PDB file of N, CA and C in Angstrom:
ATOM      1  N   MET A   1       0.990  -9.560  -9.599  1.00  0.00           N
ATOM      2  CA  MET A   1       0.732  -9.286  -8.211  1.00  0.00           C
ATOM      3  C   MET A   1       1.923  -9.743  -7.391  1.00  0.00           C
ATOM      4  N   GLY A   2       2.103  -9.169  -6.216  1.00  0.00           N
ATOM      5  CA  GLY A   2       3.235  -9.495  -5.351  1.00  0.00           C
ATOM      6  C   GLY A   2       3.168 -10.903  -4.814  1.00  0.00           C
ATOM      7  N   SER A   3       4.158 -11.261  -4.054  1.00  0.00           N
ATOM      8  CA  SER A   3       4.274 -12.584  -3.470  1.00  0.00           C
ATOM      9  C   SER A   3       3.155 -12.846  -2.471  1.00  0.00           C
ATOM     10  N   THR A   4       2.763 -14.121  -2.310  1.00  0.00           N
ATOM     11  CA  THR A   4       1.704 -14.456  -1.374  1.00  0.00           C
ATOM     12  C   THR A   4       2.230 -14.853  -0.011  1.00  0.00           C
ATOM     13  N   SER A   5       3.532 -15.111   0.120  1.00  0.00           N
ATOM     14  CA  SER A   5       4.095 -15.431   1.429  1.00  0.00           C
ATOM     15  C   SER A   5       4.540 -14.150   2.107  1.00  0.00           C
ATOM     16  N   SER A   6       4.654 -14.200   3.426  1.00  0.00           N
ATOM     17  CA  SER A   6       5.068 -13.013   4.161  1.00  0.00           C
ATOM     18  C   SER A   6       6.554 -12.767   3.941  1.00  0.00           C
ATOM     19  N   PRO A   7       6.890 -11.591   3.416  1.00  0.00           N
ATOM     20  CA  PRO A   7       8.299 -11.291   3.168  1.00  0.00           C
ATOM     21  C   PRO A   7       8.997 -10.833   4.439  1.00  0.00           C
ATOM     22  N   ASP A   8      10.306 -10.898   4.423  1.00  0.00           N
ATOM     23  CA  ASP A   8      11.096 -10.311   5.500  1.00  0.00           C
ATOM     24  C   ASP A   8      11.090  -8.810   5.228  1.00  0.00           C
ATOM     25  N   ARG A   9      10.307  -8.079   5.993  1.00  0.00           N
ATOM     26  CA  ARG A   9      10.088  -6.660   5.713  1.00  0.00           C
ATOM     27  C   ARG A   9      11.351  -5.816   5.855  1.00  0.00           C
ATOM     28  N   LYS A  10      12.376  -6.347   6.489  1.00  0.00           N
ATOM     29  CA  LYS A  10      13.624  -5.599   6.601  1.00  0.00           C
ATOM     30  C   LYS A  10      14.441  -5.674   5.317  1.00  0.00           C
ATOM     31  N   SER A  11      14.193  -6.713   4.512  1.00  0.00           N
ATOM     32  CA  SER A  11      14.987  -6.869   3.304  1.00  0.00           C
ATOM     33  C   SER A  11      14.223  -6.526   2.026  1.00  0.00           C
ATOM     34  N   VAL A  12      12.923  -6.321   2.116  1.00  0.00           N
ATOM     35  CA  VAL A  12      12.120  -6.000   0.938  1.00  0.00           C
ATOM     36  C   VAL A  12      12.345  -4.543   0.564  1.00  0.00           C
ATOM     37  N   SER A  13      12.607  -4.292  -0.709  1.00  0.00           N
ATOM     38  CA  SER A  13      12.861  -2.923  -1.130  1.00  0.00           C
ATOM     39  C   SER A  13      11.816  -2.386  -2.108  1.00  0.00           C
ATOM     40  N   ARG A  14      10.951  -3.269  -2.600  1.00  0.00           N
ATOM     41  CA  ARG A  14       9.923  -2.837  -3.553  1.00  0.00           C
ATOM     42  C   ARG A  14       8.539  -3.076  -2.972  1.00  0.00           C
ATOM     43  N   LEU A  15       7.644  -2.144  -3.165  1.00  0.00           N
ATOM     44  CA  LEU A  15       6.272  -2.316  -2.691  1.00  0.00           C
ATOM     45  C   LEU A  15       5.644  -3.564  -3.295  1.00  0.00           C
ATOM     46  N   GLU A  16       5.956  -3.837  -4.561  1.00  0.00           N
ATOM     47  CA  GLU A  16       5.375  -4.983  -5.257  1.00  0.00           C
ATOM     48  C   GLU A  16       5.796  -6.327  -4.664  1.00  0.00           C
ATOM     49  N   ASP A  17       6.794  -6.333  -3.797  1.00  0.00           N
ATOM     50  CA  ASP A  17       7.220  -7.570  -3.151  1.00  0.00           C
ATOM     51  C   ASP A  17       6.375  -7.896  -1.926  1.00  0.00           C
ATOM     52  N   LEU A  18       5.482  -6.985  -1.541  1.00  0.00           N
ATOM     53  CA  LEU A  18       4.580  -7.229  -0.418  1.00  0.00           C
ATOM     54  C   LEU A  18       3.357  -8.003  -0.890  1.00  0.00           C
ATOM     55  N   PRO A  19       2.733  -8.764   0.010  1.00  0.00           N
ATOM     56  CA  PRO A  19       1.526  -9.508  -0.367  1.00  0.00           C
ATOM     57  C   PRO A  19       0.433  -8.576  -0.905  1.00  0.00           C
ATOM     58  N   ASN A  20      -0.202  -8.976  -1.976  1.00  0.00           N
ATOM     59  CA  ASN A  20      -1.353  -8.296  -2.575  1.00  0.00           C
ATOM     60  C   ASN A  20      -1.030  -6.964  -3.242  1.00  0.00           C
ATOM     61  N   ILE A  21       0.232  -6.606  -3.351  1.00  0.00           N
ATOM     62  CA  ILE A  21       0.591  -5.321  -3.948  1.00  0.00           C
ATOM     63  C   ILE A  21       1.092  -5.539  -5.376  1.00  0.00           C
ATOM     64  N   GLY A  22       0.325  -5.020  -6.298  1.00  0.00           N
ATOM     65  CA  GLY A  22       0.722  -5.044  -7.708  1.00  0.00           C
ATOM     66  C   GLY A  22       1.098  -3.643  -8.146  1.00  0.00           C
ATOM     67  N   LYS A  23       1.255  -3.472  -9.443  1.00  0.00           N
ATOM     68  CA  LYS A  23       1.684  -2.177  -9.977  1.00  0.00           C
ATOM     69  C   LYS A  23       0.699  -1.058  -9.649  1.00  0.00           C
ATOM     70  N   SER A  24      -0.593  -1.346  -9.735  1.00  0.00           N
ATOM     71  CA  SER A  24      -1.605  -0.318  -9.518  1.00  0.00           C
ATOM     72  C   SER A  24      -1.616   0.183  -8.071  1.00  0.00           C
ATOM     73  N   ILE A  25      -1.637  -0.740  -7.122  1.00  0.00           N
ATOM     74  CA  ILE A  25      -1.647  -0.337  -5.709  1.00  0.00           C
ATOM     75  C   ILE A  25      -0.321   0.309  -5.335  1.00  0.00           C
ATOM     76  N   ALA A  26       0.778  -0.188  -5.880  1.00  0.00           N
ATOM     77  CA  ALA A  26       2.072   0.440  -5.623  1.00  0.00           C
ATOM     78  C   ALA A  26       2.051   1.887  -6.117  1.00  0.00           C
ATOM     79  N   ALA A  27       1.463   2.114  -7.276  1.00  0.00           N
ATOM     80  CA  ALA A  27       1.353   3.478  -7.806  1.00  0.00           C
ATOM     81  C   ALA A  27       0.484   4.340  -6.898  1.00  0.00           C
ATOM     82  N   ASP A  28      -0.599   3.770  -6.389  1.00  0.00           N
ATOM     83  CA  ASP A  28      -1.466   4.508  -5.459  1.00  0.00           C
ATOM     84  C   ASP A  28      -0.701   4.895  -4.196  1.00  0.00           C
ATOM     85  N   LEU A  29       0.043   3.950  -3.656  1.00  0.00           N
ATOM     86  CA  LEU A  29       0.822   4.239  -2.451  1.00  0.00           C
ATOM     87  C   LEU A  29       1.858   5.325  -2.712  1.00  0.00           C
ATOM     88  N   LYS A  30       2.485   5.266  -3.862  1.00  0.00           N
ATOM     89  CA  LYS A  30       3.497   6.277  -4.205  1.00  0.00           C
ATOM     90  C   LYS A  30       2.868   7.666  -4.328  1.00  0.00           C
ATOM     91  N   LEU A  31       1.615   7.715  -4.803  1.00  0.00           N
ATOM     92  CA  LEU A  31       0.907   8.993  -4.900  1.00  0.00           C
ATOM     93  C   LEU A  31       0.769   9.681  -3.539  1.00  0.00           C
ATOM     94  N   ILE A  32       0.704   8.868  -2.479  1.00  0.00           N
ATOM     95  CA  ILE A  32       0.515   9.440  -1.140  1.00  0.00           C
ATOM     96  C   ILE A  32       1.803   9.385  -0.326  1.00  0.00           C
ATOM     97  N   GLY A  33       2.925   9.242  -1.016  1.00  0.00           N
ATOM     98  CA  GLY A  33       4.218   9.368  -0.357  1.00  0.00           C
ATOM     99  C   GLY A  33       4.824   8.104   0.204  1.00  0.00           C
ATOM    100  N   VAL A  34       4.212   6.960  -0.065  1.00  0.00           N
ATOM    101  CA  VAL A  34       4.760   5.687   0.412  1.00  0.00           C
ATOM    102  C   VAL A  34       5.468   5.036  -0.768  1.00  0.00           C
ATOM    103  N   ASP A  35       6.785   5.194  -0.819  1.00  0.00           N
ATOM    104  CA  ASP A  35       7.542   4.671  -1.956  1.00  0.00           C
ATOM    105  C   ASP A  35       8.467   3.517  -1.585  1.00  0.00           C
ATOM    106  N   HIS A  36       8.357   3.060  -0.341  1.00  0.00           N
ATOM    107  CA  HIS A  36       9.192   1.958   0.140  1.00  0.00           C
ATOM    108  C   HIS A  36       8.399   1.193   1.192  1.00  0.00           C
ATOM    109  N   PRO A  37       8.499  -0.145   1.215  1.00  0.00           N
ATOM    110  CA  PRO A  37       7.755  -0.934   2.203  1.00  0.00           C
ATOM    111  C   PRO A  37       7.983  -0.483   3.645  1.00  0.00           C
ATOM    112  N   GLY A  38       9.173  -0.026   3.957  1.00  0.00           N
ATOM    113  CA  GLY A  38       9.461   0.413   5.310  1.00  0.00           C
ATOM    114  C   GLY A  38       8.622   1.599   5.749  1.00  0.00           C
ATOM    115  N   LYS A  39       8.135   2.376   4.797  1.00  0.00           N
ATOM    116  CA  LYS A  39       7.311   3.534   5.127  1.00  0.00           C
ATOM    117  C   LYS A  39       5.890   3.158   5.530  1.00  0.00           C
ATOM    118  N   LEU A  40       5.541   1.882   5.397  1.00  0.00           N
ATOM    119  CA  LEU A  40       4.214   1.423   5.826  1.00  0.00           C
ATOM    120  C   LEU A  40       4.166   1.110   7.321  1.00  0.00           C
ATOM    121  N   ALA A  41       5.317   0.943   7.930  1.00  0.00           N
ATOM    122  CA  ALA A  41       5.375   0.577   9.346  1.00  0.00           C
ATOM    123  C   ALA A  41       4.644   1.612  10.197  1.00  0.00           C
ATOM    124  N   GLY A  42       3.717   1.133  10.997  1.00  0.00           N
ATOM    125  CA  GLY A  42       2.978   1.989  11.914  1.00  0.00           C
ATOM    126  C   GLY A  42       1.879   2.819  11.282  1.00  0.00           C
ATOM    127  N   LYS A  43       1.664   2.664   9.989  1.00  0.00           N
ATOM    128  CA  LYS A  43       0.624   3.444   9.304  1.00  0.00           C
ATOM    129  C   LYS A  43      -0.760   2.870   9.582  1.00  0.00           C
ATOM    130  N   ASN A  44      -1.745   3.717   9.483  1.00  0.00           N
ATOM    131  CA  ASN A  44      -3.144   3.332   9.636  1.00  0.00           C
ATOM    132  C   ASN A  44      -3.736   3.170   8.238  1.00  0.00           C
ATOM    133  N   PRO A  45      -4.246   1.982   7.905  1.00  0.00           N
ATOM    134  CA  PRO A  45      -4.764   1.769   6.547  1.00  0.00           C
ATOM    135  C   PRO A  45      -5.937   2.685   6.198  1.00  0.00           C
ATOM    136  N   PHE A  46      -6.744   3.041   7.188  1.00  0.00           N
ATOM    137  CA  PHE A  46      -7.880   3.929   6.928  1.00  0.00           C
ATOM    138  C   PHE A  46      -7.400   5.344   6.601  1.00  0.00           C
ATOM    139  N   GLU A  47      -6.355   5.788   7.275  1.00  0.00           N
ATOM    140  CA  GLU A  47      -5.782   7.099   6.981  1.00  0.00           C
ATOM    141  C   GLU A  47      -5.107   7.120   5.613  1.00  0.00           C
ATOM    142  N   LEU A  48      -4.452   6.033   5.260  1.00  0.00           N
ATOM    143  CA  LEU A  48      -3.863   5.935   3.924  1.00  0.00           C
ATOM    144  C   LEU A  48      -4.947   6.004   2.854  1.00  0.00           C
ATOM    145  N   TYR A  49      -6.048   5.300   3.094  1.00  0.00           N
ATOM    146  CA  TYR A  49      -7.171   5.299   2.154  1.00  0.00           C
ATOM    147  C   TYR A  49      -7.724   6.711   1.986  1.00  0.00           C
ATOM    148  N   GLU A  50      -7.946   7.404   3.092  1.00  0.00           N
ATOM    149  CA  GLU A  50      -8.470   8.770   3.028  1.00  0.00           C
ATOM    150  C   GLU A  50      -7.500   9.685   2.282  1.00  0.00           C
ATOM    151  N   ALA A  51      -6.209   9.529   2.544  1.00  0.00           N
ATOM    152  CA  ALA A  51      -5.207  10.340   1.850  1.00  0.00           C
ATOM    153  C   ALA A  51      -5.242  10.078   0.346  1.00  0.00           C
ATOM    154  N   LEU A  52      -5.429   8.825  -0.037  1.00  0.00           N
ATOM    155  CA  LEU A  52      -5.510   8.478  -1.455  1.00  0.00           C
ATOM    156  C   LEU A  52      -6.741   9.113  -2.092  1.00  0.00           C
ATOM    157  N   CYS A  53      -7.870   9.040  -1.414  1.00  0.00           N
ATOM    158  CA  CYS A  53      -9.101   9.640  -1.943  1.00  0.00           C
ATOM    159  C   CYS A  53      -8.921  11.141  -2.155  1.00  0.00           C
ATOM    160  N   VAL A  54      -8.307  11.814  -1.192  1.00  0.00           N
ATOM    161  CA  VAL A  54      -8.054  13.250  -1.313  1.00  0.00           C
ATOM    162  C   VAL A  54      -7.118  13.515  -2.485  1.00  0.00           C
ATOM    163  N   ARG A  55      -6.081  12.716  -2.588  1.00  0.00           N
ATOM    164  CA  ARG A  55      -5.063  12.926  -3.636  1.00  0.00           C
ATOM    165  C   ARG A  55      -5.636  12.771  -5.042  1.00  0.00           C
ATOM    166  N   VAL A  56      -6.502  11.763  -5.238  1.00  0.00           N
ATOM    167  CA  VAL A  56      -7.056  11.534  -6.582  1.00  0.00           C
ATOM    168  C   VAL A  56      -8.324  12.352  -6.832  1.00  0.00           C
ATOM    169  N   GLY A  57      -8.884  12.931  -5.773  1.00  0.00           N
ATOM    170  CA  GLY A  57     -10.036  13.811  -5.938  1.00  0.00           C
ATOM    171  C   GLY A  57     -11.381  13.141  -5.982  1.00  0.00           C
ATOM    172  N   ASN A  58     -11.448  11.881  -5.622  1.00  0.00           N
ATOM    173  CA  ASN A  58     -12.728  11.177  -5.537  1.00  0.00           C
ATOM    174  C   ASN A  58     -12.572   9.930  -4.666  1.00  0.00           C
ATOM    175  N   ARG A  59     -13.712   9.322  -4.336  1.00  0.00           N
ATOM    176  CA  ARG A  59     -13.689   8.121  -3.509  1.00  0.00           C
ATOM    177  C   ARG A  59     -13.137   6.955  -4.317  1.00  0.00           C
ATOM    178  N   VAL A  60     -12.192   6.267  -3.730  1.00  0.00           N
ATOM    179  CA  VAL A  60     -11.583   5.082  -4.330  1.00  0.00           C
ATOM    180  C   VAL A  60     -12.368   3.868  -3.830  1.00  0.00           C
ATOM    181  N   ASP A  61     -12.367   2.803  -4.606  1.00  0.00           N
ATOM    182  CA  ASP A  61     -13.040   1.570  -4.186  1.00  0.00           C
ATOM    183  C   ASP A  61     -12.582   1.194  -2.780  1.00  0.00           C
ATOM    184  N   PRO A  62     -13.515   1.013  -1.842  1.00  0.00           N
ATOM    185  CA  PRO A  62     -13.138   0.729  -0.450  1.00  0.00           C
ATOM    186  C   PRO A  62     -12.388  -0.589  -0.254  1.00  0.00           C
ATOM    187  N   CYS A  63     -12.375  -1.468  -1.244  1.00  0.00           N
ATOM    188  CA  CYS A  63     -11.612  -2.709  -1.094  1.00  0.00           C
ATOM    189  C   CYS A  63     -10.115  -2.409  -1.009  1.00  0.00           C
ATOM    190  N   VAL A  64      -9.720  -1.205  -1.407  1.00  0.00           N
ATOM    191  CA  VAL A  64      -8.318  -0.791  -1.292  1.00  0.00           C
ATOM    192  C   VAL A  64      -7.891  -0.787   0.181  1.00  0.00           C
ATOM    193  N   ILE A  65      -8.824  -0.517   1.076  1.00  0.00           N
ATOM    194  CA  ILE A  65      -8.518  -0.548   2.514  1.00  0.00           C
ATOM    195  C   ILE A  65      -8.011  -1.931   2.903  1.00  0.00           C
ATOM    196  N   ASP A  66      -8.663  -2.975   2.407  1.00  0.00           N
ATOM    197  CA  ASP A  66      -8.235  -4.347   2.712  1.00  0.00           C
ATOM    198  C   ASP A  66      -6.824  -4.601   2.208  1.00  0.00           C
ATOM    199  N   VAL A  67      -6.516  -4.097   1.032  1.00  0.00           N
ATOM    200  CA  VAL A  67      -5.182  -4.276   0.464  1.00  0.00           C
ATOM    201  C   VAL A  67      -4.148  -3.550   1.342  1.00  0.00           C
ATOM    202  N   PHE A  68      -4.498  -2.329   1.750  1.00  0.00           N
ATOM    203  CA  PHE A  68      -3.597  -1.582   2.631  1.00  0.00           C
ATOM    204  C   PHE A  68      -3.394  -2.323   3.949  1.00  0.00           C
ATOM    205  N   MET A  69      -4.469  -2.906   4.493  1.00  0.00           N
ATOM    206  CA  MET A  69      -4.358  -3.671   5.739  1.00  0.00           C
ATOM    207  C   MET A  69      -3.396  -4.844   5.570  1.00  0.00           C
ATOM    208  N   ALA A  70      -3.528  -5.556   4.469  1.00  0.00           N
ATOM    209  CA  ALA A  70      -2.662  -6.714   4.210  1.00  0.00           C
ATOM    210  C   ALA A  70      -1.212  -6.278   4.060  1.00  0.00           C
ATOM    211  N   ALA A  71      -0.999  -5.146   3.427  1.00  0.00           N
ATOM    212  CA  ALA A  71       0.370  -4.664   3.208  1.00  0.00           C
ATOM    213  C   ALA A  71       1.026  -4.231   4.516  1.00  0.00           C
ATOM    214  N   ILE A  72       0.251  -3.624   5.371  1.00  0.00           N
ATOM    215  CA  ILE A  72       0.795  -3.146   6.651  1.00  0.00           C
ATOM    216  C   ILE A  72       1.018  -4.307   7.576  1.00  0.00           C
TER     217      ILE A  72
END
């Protein structure tokens, strides 16, 4: 899992370096076009969640919303 301290978001280049982001969530984010931490700026976690559900074709565990909130 990623680091638990708040990273300097201007210098972080990997999604996994964000709090609570491991390989699985990073892969989910990449599925919906978020391949860099900077692309999370200004995003709505609920919209990201909905996009992920559409992309995978079924409802994803809603706890993913919390992870997206922490990452943003």
